[in-house]
Amino acid sequence: MPGTPAGTDQGDTVVLGAPDIFFNDRLDDHGNASLALQLLGSRPHLVWYLPSLADSTPAPEEERGFFDLIPSGWLWGTLQLFIAAALAALWRARRLGPLVPEKLPVAIRASETVEGRARLYRKADARDRAAAALRSATRTRLAPS
């Protein structure tokens, strides 16, 4: 460019991921010849770089921990989630104190209760629990007062 000092010209940099489009057997595929001519022939000066194992590698970064890899938004989201869970637990635990027993609105005969519980034990096939309940009730009634 006229009027600019030498070495300060900001040219275009084109990087190709694979050199396959420049191979002779691939030039006639998918317009590779046109692409290659337009890339290589658009400027008067061309620098061809082929990477090799002798090239210097960038310095390895220091090892980062797990929390360094998590974006900061996730930490704030997790904090908000814990606050919401704590508020929900407080809301559900609003009955602080002992439960108050209520009187039943209807009087139920003892025989009906025993028969209902016996049907439940039979349906669940819980003979061991039924026997344990009978033994416990018998011990309570026979124990000296």
N, C-alpha and C. Protein backbone atom coordinates (compact mmCIF):
# COMPACT_ATOMS: atom_id res chain seq x y z
N MET A 1 0.84 -1.17 0.00
CA MET A 1 0.00 0.00 0.00
C MET A 1 0.89 1.24 0.00
N PRO A 2 0.57 2.24 -0.76
CA PRO A 2 1.37 3.44 -0.75
C PRO A 2 1.16 4.22 0.53
N GLY A 3 2.24 4.74 1.09
CA GLY A 3 2.15 5.59 2.28
C GLY A 3 2.28 4.83 3.58
N THR A 4 2.39 3.51 3.57
CA THR A 4 2.57 2.76 4.81
C THR A 4 3.99 2.24 4.88
N PRO A 5 4.60 2.28 6.06
CA PRO A 5 5.97 1.78 6.18
C PRO A 5 6.03 0.29 5.90
N ALA A 6 7.20 -0.18 5.47
CA ALA A 6 7.38 -1.60 5.16
C ALA A 6 7.26 -2.43 6.43
N GLY A 7 6.61 -3.59 6.35
CA GLY A 7 6.47 -4.49 7.49
C GLY A 7 5.22 -4.24 8.31
N THR A 8 4.47 -3.18 8.06
CA THR A 8 3.26 -2.91 8.85
C THR A 8 1.99 -3.25 8.07
N ASP A 9 2.16 -3.80 6.87
CA ASP A 9 1.00 -4.15 6.06
C ASP A 9 0.25 -5.30 6.72
N GLN A 10 -1.01 -5.10 7.06
CA GLN A 10 -1.85 -6.12 7.68
C GLN A 10 -2.55 -6.91 6.58
N GLY A 11 -2.00 -8.05 6.19
CA GLY A 11 -2.57 -8.86 5.13
C GLY A 11 -3.57 -9.86 5.68
N ASP A 12 -4.22 -10.55 4.78
CA ASP A 12 -5.17 -11.59 5.18
C ASP A 12 -4.41 -12.86 5.50
N THR A 13 -4.89 -13.57 6.51
CA THR A 13 -4.30 -14.87 6.85
C THR A 13 -5.37 -15.92 6.62
N VAL A 14 -5.03 -16.90 5.81
CA VAL A 14 -5.95 -17.99 5.51
C VAL A 14 -5.32 -19.27 6.03
N VAL A 15 -6.05 -19.99 6.85
CA VAL A 15 -5.55 -21.24 7.40
C VAL A 15 -6.45 -22.36 6.90
N LEU A 16 -5.85 -23.39 6.35
CA LEU A 16 -6.60 -24.55 5.87
C LEU A 16 -6.40 -25.71 6.84
N GLY A 17 -7.46 -26.41 7.13
CA GLY A 17 -7.37 -27.52 8.07
C GLY A 17 -6.73 -28.75 7.48
N ALA A 18 -6.83 -28.91 6.18
CA ALA A 18 -6.26 -30.09 5.52
C ALA A 18 -5.79 -29.68 4.13
N PRO A 19 -4.67 -30.21 3.69
CA PRO A 19 -4.15 -29.83 2.36
C PRO A 19 -4.74 -30.65 1.22
N ASP A 20 -5.79 -31.41 1.49
CA ASP A 20 -6.32 -32.32 0.48
C ASP A 20 -6.79 -31.61 -0.78
N ILE A 21 -7.27 -30.38 -0.67
CA ILE A 21 -7.81 -29.71 -1.86
C ILE A 21 -6.72 -29.37 -2.86
N PHE A 22 -5.45 -29.39 -2.46
CA PHE A 22 -4.36 -29.06 -3.36
C PHE A 22 -3.74 -30.30 -4.03
N PHE A 23 -4.14 -31.49 -3.65
CA PHE A 23 -3.61 -32.70 -4.26
C PHE A 23 -4.19 -32.86 -5.66
N ASN A 24 -3.38 -33.40 -6.57
CA ASN A 24 -3.80 -33.55 -7.96
C ASN A 24 -5.04 -34.42 -8.11
N ASP A 25 -5.14 -35.47 -7.30
CA ASP A 25 -6.29 -36.37 -7.46
C ASP A 25 -7.58 -35.77 -6.90
N ARG A 26 -7.50 -34.67 -6.18
CA ARG A 26 -8.70 -34.06 -5.61
C ARG A 26 -9.02 -32.70 -6.22
N LEU A 27 -8.20 -32.21 -7.14
CA LEU A 27 -8.44 -30.88 -7.71
C LEU A 27 -9.75 -30.79 -8.47
N ASP A 28 -10.20 -31.89 -9.06
CA ASP A 28 -11.43 -31.84 -9.85
C ASP A 28 -12.69 -32.13 -9.03
N ASP A 29 -12.56 -32.27 -7.70
CA ASP A 29 -13.72 -32.55 -6.83
C ASP A 29 -14.25 -31.26 -6.21
N HIS A 30 -15.55 -31.06 -6.26
CA HIS A 30 -16.27 -30.01 -5.52
C HIS A 30 -15.68 -28.61 -5.71
N GLY A 31 -15.09 -28.32 -6.84
CA GLY A 31 -14.56 -26.98 -7.10
C GLY A 31 -13.28 -26.69 -6.36
N ASN A 32 -12.50 -27.73 -6.03
CA ASN A 32 -11.24 -27.52 -5.31
C ASN A 32 -10.24 -26.72 -6.13
N ALA A 33 -10.22 -26.88 -7.44
CA ALA A 33 -9.27 -26.15 -8.28
C ALA A 33 -9.56 -24.65 -8.21
N SER A 34 -10.82 -24.29 -8.28
CA SER A 34 -11.18 -22.88 -8.22
C SER A 34 -10.83 -22.29 -6.85
N LEU A 35 -11.11 -23.02 -5.80
CA LEU A 35 -10.78 -22.56 -4.45
C LEU A 35 -9.28 -22.39 -4.27
N ALA A 36 -8.50 -23.35 -4.76
CA ALA A 36 -7.05 -23.28 -4.62
C ALA A 36 -6.49 -22.10 -5.40
N LEU A 37 -6.97 -21.88 -6.63
CA LEU A 37 -6.48 -20.75 -7.42
C LEU A 37 -6.84 -19.41 -6.78
N GLN A 38 -8.04 -19.32 -6.23
CA GLN A 38 -8.45 -18.06 -5.62
C GLN A 38 -7.69 -17.80 -4.32
N LEU A 39 -7.40 -18.85 -3.57
CA LEU A 39 -6.65 -18.67 -2.32
C LEU A 39 -5.18 -18.32 -2.59
N LEU A 40 -4.57 -19.06 -3.49
CA LEU A 40 -3.14 -18.89 -3.71
C LEU A 40 -2.81 -17.75 -4.67
N GLY A 41 -3.67 -17.44 -5.59
CA GLY A 41 -3.34 -16.46 -6.61
C GLY A 41 -3.90 -15.08 -6.35
N SER A 42 -4.54 -14.83 -5.24
CA SER A 42 -5.14 -13.51 -5.01
C SER A 42 -4.13 -12.48 -4.53
N ARG A 43 -2.96 -12.88 -4.02
CA ARG A 43 -1.94 -11.96 -3.51
C ARG A 43 -0.61 -12.25 -4.22
N PRO A 44 0.22 -11.22 -4.36
CA PRO A 44 1.51 -11.46 -5.03
C PRO A 44 2.52 -12.19 -4.15
N HIS A 45 2.35 -12.14 -2.82
CA HIS A 45 3.30 -12.76 -1.90
C HIS A 45 2.61 -13.90 -1.17
N LEU A 46 3.22 -15.10 -1.15
CA LEU A 46 2.62 -16.28 -0.53
C LEU A 46 3.62 -16.91 0.42
N VAL A 47 3.19 -17.19 1.62
CA VAL A 47 4.01 -17.91 2.60
C VAL A 47 3.37 -19.27 2.80
N TRP A 48 4.15 -20.33 2.58
CA TRP A 48 3.65 -21.69 2.72
C TRP A 48 4.28 -22.28 3.97
N TYR A 49 3.47 -22.63 4.95
CA TYR A 49 3.96 -23.17 6.23
C TYR A 49 3.48 -24.60 6.37
N LEU A 50 4.43 -25.49 6.60
CA LEU A 50 4.10 -26.89 6.89
C LEU A 50 4.57 -27.19 8.31
N PRO A 51 3.67 -27.49 9.24
CA PRO A 51 4.07 -27.77 10.61
C PRO A 51 4.85 -29.08 10.71
N SER A 52 5.79 -29.12 11.65
CA SER A 52 6.58 -30.32 11.87
C SER A 52 6.74 -30.55 13.37
N LEU A 53 7.31 -31.69 13.73
CA LEU A 53 7.51 -32.00 15.14
C LEU A 53 8.58 -31.13 15.78
N ALA A 54 9.45 -30.53 14.98
CA ALA A 54 10.51 -29.69 15.51
C ALA A 54 10.01 -28.31 15.93
N ASP A 55 8.79 -27.96 15.56
CA ASP A 55 8.25 -26.65 15.95
C ASP A 55 8.10 -26.58 17.46
N SER A 56 8.25 -25.39 17.99
CA SER A 56 8.11 -25.23 19.45
C SER A 56 6.64 -25.32 19.82
N THR A 57 6.36 -25.93 20.95
CA THR A 57 4.99 -26.05 21.44
C THR A 57 4.75 -24.98 22.48
N PRO A 58 3.53 -24.56 22.65
CA PRO A 58 3.25 -23.56 23.68
C PRO A 58 3.51 -24.15 25.07
N ALA A 59 3.86 -23.28 25.99
CA ALA A 59 4.14 -23.71 27.36
C ALA A 59 2.87 -24.28 27.98
N PRO A 60 2.98 -25.41 28.67
CA PRO A 60 1.77 -25.99 29.29
C PRO A 60 1.27 -25.09 30.42
N GLU A 61 -0.04 -24.96 30.46
CA GLU A 61 -0.65 -24.16 31.52
C GLU A 61 -0.59 -24.94 32.83
N GLU A 62 -0.67 -24.20 33.92
CA GLU A 62 -0.69 -24.89 35.21
C GLU A 62 -1.99 -25.67 35.34
N GLU A 63 -1.93 -26.74 36.08
CA GLU A 63 -3.08 -27.62 36.21
C GLU A 63 -4.18 -26.92 37.01
N ARG A 64 -5.39 -27.01 36.47
CA ARG A 64 -6.52 -26.37 37.14
C ARG A 64 -7.37 -27.42 37.83
N GLY A 65 -8.02 -27.01 38.91
CA GLY A 65 -8.87 -27.92 39.66
C GLY A 65 -10.27 -27.98 39.07
N PHE A 66 -11.11 -28.81 39.68
CA PHE A 66 -12.47 -29.00 39.19
C PHE A 66 -13.27 -27.71 39.26
N PHE A 67 -13.17 -26.97 40.35
CA PHE A 67 -13.95 -25.75 40.52
C PHE A 67 -13.48 -24.63 39.60
N ASP A 68 -12.25 -24.70 39.10
CA ASP A 68 -11.78 -23.71 38.13
C ASP A 68 -12.41 -23.95 36.76
N LEU A 69 -12.83 -25.17 36.49
CA LEU A 69 -13.41 -25.51 35.20
C LEU A 69 -14.90 -25.21 35.13
N ILE A 70 -15.56 -25.05 36.27
CA ILE A 70 -16.99 -24.77 36.30
C ILE A 70 -17.20 -23.28 36.08
N PRO A 71 -18.09 -22.89 35.16
CA PRO A 71 -18.36 -21.47 34.95
C PRO A 71 -18.96 -20.84 36.21
N SER A 72 -18.74 -19.55 36.37
CA SER A 72 -19.22 -18.88 37.59
C SER A 72 -20.74 -18.89 37.68
N GLY A 73 -21.44 -18.93 36.58
CA GLY A 73 -22.90 -18.96 36.61
C GLY A 73 -23.45 -20.21 37.28
N TRP A 74 -22.74 -21.33 37.14
CA TRP A 74 -23.18 -22.57 37.78
C TRP A 74 -23.07 -22.48 39.28
N LEU A 75 -22.05 -21.82 39.77
CA LEU A 75 -21.91 -21.68 41.23
C LEU A 75 -23.05 -20.85 41.80
N TRP A 76 -23.38 -19.75 41.11
CA TRP A 76 -24.51 -18.94 41.58
C TRP A 76 -25.81 -19.70 41.48
N GLY A 77 -25.98 -20.46 40.42
CA GLY A 77 -27.21 -21.25 40.27
C GLY A 77 -27.34 -22.31 41.36
N THR A 78 -26.23 -22.94 41.71
CA THR A 78 -26.24 -23.94 42.78
C THR A 78 -26.57 -23.29 44.12
N LEU A 79 -26.01 -22.12 44.36
CA LEU A 79 -26.30 -21.40 45.60
C LEU A 79 -27.79 -21.06 45.66
N GLN A 80 -28.36 -20.59 44.57
CA GLN A 80 -29.79 -20.27 44.55
C GLN A 80 -30.64 -21.51 44.75
N LEU A 81 -30.19 -22.63 44.20
CA LEU A 81 -30.93 -23.88 44.38
C LEU A 81 -30.94 -24.30 45.85
N PHE A 82 -29.79 -24.18 46.52
CA PHE A 82 -29.74 -24.53 47.94
C PHE A 82 -30.61 -23.59 48.78
N ILE A 83 -30.62 -22.32 48.44
CA ILE A 83 -31.48 -21.36 49.17
C ILE A 83 -32.95 -21.71 48.96
N ALA A 84 -33.32 -22.04 47.72
CA ALA A 84 -34.70 -22.42 47.45
C ALA A 84 -35.08 -23.70 48.19
N ALA A 85 -34.17 -24.67 48.25
CA ALA A 85 -34.45 -25.91 48.97
C ALA A 85 -34.62 -25.65 50.46
N ALA A 86 -33.78 -24.76 51.03
CA ALA A 86 -33.90 -24.43 52.45
C ALA A 86 -35.22 -23.73 52.73
N LEU A 87 -35.62 -22.82 51.86
CA LEU A 87 -36.91 -22.13 52.05
C LEU A 87 -38.08 -23.10 51.92
N ALA A 88 -37.99 -24.05 50.99
CA ALA A 88 -39.05 -25.04 50.85
C ALA A 88 -39.12 -25.93 52.08
N ALA A 89 -37.96 -26.29 52.64
CA ALA A 89 -37.95 -27.12 53.85
C ALA A 89 -38.56 -26.35 55.02
N LEU A 90 -38.24 -25.07 55.14
CA LEU A 90 -38.85 -24.26 56.21
C LEU A 90 -40.35 -24.12 56.01
N TRP A 91 -40.77 -23.96 54.78
CA TRP A 91 -42.20 -23.82 54.51
C TRP A 91 -42.95 -25.10 54.86
N ARG A 92 -42.37 -26.26 54.52
CA ARG A 92 -43.02 -27.53 54.82
C ARG A 92 -42.93 -27.89 56.30
N ALA A 93 -41.97 -27.35 57.01
CA ALA A 93 -41.81 -27.65 58.44
C ALA A 93 -42.40 -26.54 59.29
N ARG A 94 -43.47 -25.94 58.83
CA ARG A 94 -44.05 -24.83 59.57
C ARG A 94 -44.73 -25.26 60.85
N ARG A 95 -45.05 -26.56 60.98
CA ARG A 95 -45.63 -27.06 62.22
C ARG A 95 -44.51 -27.45 63.16
N LEU A 96 -43.95 -26.50 63.84
CA LEU A 96 -42.90 -26.79 64.80
C LEU A 96 -43.55 -27.04 66.15
N GLY A 97 -43.35 -28.18 66.68
CA GLY A 97 -43.96 -28.53 67.96
C GLY A 97 -44.61 -29.90 67.88
N PRO A 98 -45.15 -30.38 69.01
CA PRO A 98 -45.74 -31.72 69.03
C PRO A 98 -47.08 -31.74 68.29
N LEU A 99 -47.42 -32.92 67.79
CA LEU A 99 -48.71 -33.08 67.15
C LEU A 99 -49.81 -33.11 68.21
N VAL A 100 -50.93 -32.58 67.87
CA VAL A 100 -52.06 -32.53 68.80
C VAL A 100 -53.01 -33.65 68.44
N PRO A 101 -53.30 -34.57 69.38
CA PRO A 101 -54.25 -35.65 69.06
C PRO A 101 -55.66 -35.09 68.96
N GLU A 102 -56.40 -35.64 68.02
CA GLU A 102 -57.79 -35.21 67.84
C GLU A 102 -58.71 -36.37 68.18
N LYS A 103 -59.86 -36.04 68.68
CA LYS A 103 -60.85 -37.07 68.95
C LYS A 103 -61.49 -37.49 67.64
N LEU A 104 -61.77 -38.81 67.53
CA LEU A 104 -62.41 -39.30 66.32
C LEU A 104 -63.85 -38.80 66.26
N PRO A 105 -64.30 -38.44 65.08
CA PRO A 105 -65.67 -37.94 64.98
C PRO A 105 -66.73 -39.03 65.15
N VAL A 106 -66.31 -40.30 65.00
CA VAL A 106 -67.26 -41.41 65.10
C VAL A 106 -66.66 -42.45 66.04
N ALA A 107 -67.49 -43.04 66.85
CA ALA A 107 -67.03 -44.11 67.74
C ALA A 107 -67.03 -45.43 66.95
N ILE A 108 -65.91 -46.12 66.98
CA ILE A 108 -65.77 -47.38 66.26
C ILE A 108 -65.64 -48.49 67.28
N ARG A 109 -66.40 -49.56 67.07
CA ARG A 109 -66.34 -50.68 67.99
C ARG A 109 -64.98 -51.36 67.89
N ALA A 110 -64.50 -51.88 68.98
CA ALA A 110 -63.19 -52.54 69.02
C ALA A 110 -63.15 -53.76 68.12
N SER A 111 -64.26 -54.49 68.04
CA SER A 111 -64.27 -55.70 67.21
C SER A 111 -64.06 -55.35 65.73
N GLU A 112 -64.61 -54.23 65.27
CA GLU A 112 -64.43 -53.83 63.87
C GLU A 112 -62.96 -53.48 63.60
N THR A 113 -62.34 -52.81 64.56
CA THR A 113 -60.93 -52.45 64.41
C THR A 113 -60.07 -53.70 64.34
N VAL A 114 -60.36 -54.67 65.23
CA VAL A 114 -59.58 -55.91 65.24
C VAL A 114 -59.76 -56.67 63.93
N GLU A 115 -61.02 -56.76 63.46
CA GLU A 115 -61.27 -57.48 62.21
C GLU A 115 -60.60 -56.79 61.02
N GLY A 116 -60.63 -55.47 60.98
CA GLY A 116 -59.98 -54.73 59.89
C GLY A 116 -58.48 -54.93 59.90
N ARG A 117 -57.88 -54.87 61.09
CA ARG A 117 -56.43 -55.07 61.17
C ARG A 117 -56.08 -56.52 60.81
N ALA A 118 -56.91 -57.46 61.21
CA ALA A 118 -56.66 -58.87 60.87
C ALA A 118 -56.72 -59.08 59.36
N ARG A 119 -57.68 -58.44 58.69
CA ARG A 119 -57.76 -58.55 57.23
C ARG A 119 -56.51 -57.97 56.56
N LEU A 120 -56.02 -56.85 57.08
CA LEU A 120 -54.80 -56.25 56.53
C LEU A 120 -53.60 -57.17 56.71
N TYR A 121 -53.47 -57.79 57.90
CA TYR A 121 -52.38 -58.73 58.13
C TYR A 121 -52.49 -59.93 57.19
N ARG A 122 -53.69 -60.45 56.98
CA ARG A 122 -53.88 -61.60 56.11
C ARG A 122 -53.56 -61.23 54.66
N LYS A 123 -54.00 -60.05 54.23
CA LYS A 123 -53.76 -59.61 52.86
C LYS A 123 -52.26 -59.41 52.59
N ALA A 124 -51.54 -58.92 53.59
CA ALA A 124 -50.10 -58.70 53.45
C ALA A 124 -49.31 -59.97 53.74
N ASP A 125 -49.99 -61.05 54.15
CA ASP A 125 -49.34 -62.31 54.52
C ASP A 125 -48.26 -62.06 55.57
N ALA A 126 -48.66 -61.31 56.62
CA ALA A 126 -47.72 -60.92 57.67
C ALA A 126 -48.08 -61.65 58.96
N ARG A 127 -47.92 -62.97 58.95
CA ARG A 127 -48.25 -63.75 60.14
C ARG A 127 -47.30 -63.44 61.28
N ASP A 128 -46.04 -63.19 60.95
CA ASP A 128 -45.07 -62.89 62.01
C ASP A 128 -45.42 -61.59 62.74
N ARG A 129 -45.83 -60.59 62.01
CA ARG A 129 -46.21 -59.32 62.65
C ARG A 129 -47.50 -59.47 63.47
N ALA A 130 -48.43 -60.23 62.94
CA ALA A 130 -49.68 -60.46 63.67
C ALA A 130 -49.40 -61.20 64.97
N ALA A 131 -48.54 -62.21 64.90
CA ALA A 131 -48.21 -62.97 66.10
C ALA A 131 -47.46 -62.09 67.10
N ALA A 132 -46.57 -61.25 66.61
CA ALA A 132 -45.84 -60.34 67.51
C ALA A 132 -46.79 -59.36 68.18
N ALA A 133 -47.77 -58.85 67.43
CA ALA A 133 -48.75 -57.92 68.01
C ALA A 133 -49.60 -58.63 69.07
N LEU A 134 -50.00 -59.86 68.80
CA LEU A 134 -50.79 -60.60 69.79
C LEU A 134 -49.98 -60.90 71.05
N ARG A 135 -48.72 -61.31 70.90
CA ARG A 135 -47.87 -61.58 72.07
C ARG A 135 -47.67 -60.31 72.90
N SER A 136 -47.42 -59.19 72.22
CA SER A 136 -47.19 -57.93 72.94
C SER A 136 -48.44 -57.51 73.71
N ALA A 137 -49.61 -57.63 73.09
CA ALA A 137 -50.85 -57.25 73.77
C ALA A 137 -51.13 -58.19 74.94
N THR A 138 -50.83 -59.49 74.79
CA THR A 138 -51.05 -60.45 75.86
C THR A 138 -50.13 -60.15 77.04
N ARG A 139 -48.85 -59.87 76.76
CA ARG A 139 -47.91 -59.51 77.85
C ARG A 139 -48.37 -58.26 78.60
N THR A 140 -48.89 -57.29 77.85
CA THR A 140 -49.32 -56.04 78.49
C THR A 140 -50.52 -56.32 79.41
N ARG A 141 -51.46 -57.17 78.96
CA ARG A 141 -52.64 -57.44 79.77
C ARG A 141 -52.32 -58.33 80.97
N LEU A 142 -51.38 -59.25 80.84
CA LEU A 142 -51.07 -60.17 81.92
C LEU A 142 -50.07 -59.61 82.93
N ALA A 143 -49.36 -58.57 82.55
CA ALA A 143 -48.34 -58.00 83.45
C ALA A 143 -49.02 -57.40 84.68
N PRO A 144 -48.36 -57.54 85.85
CA PRO A 144 -48.97 -56.96 87.06
C PRO A 144 -48.96 -55.43 86.97
N SER A 145 -50.01 -54.84 87.45
CA SER A 145 -50.12 -53.39 87.37
C SER A 145 -49.38 -52.70 88.46
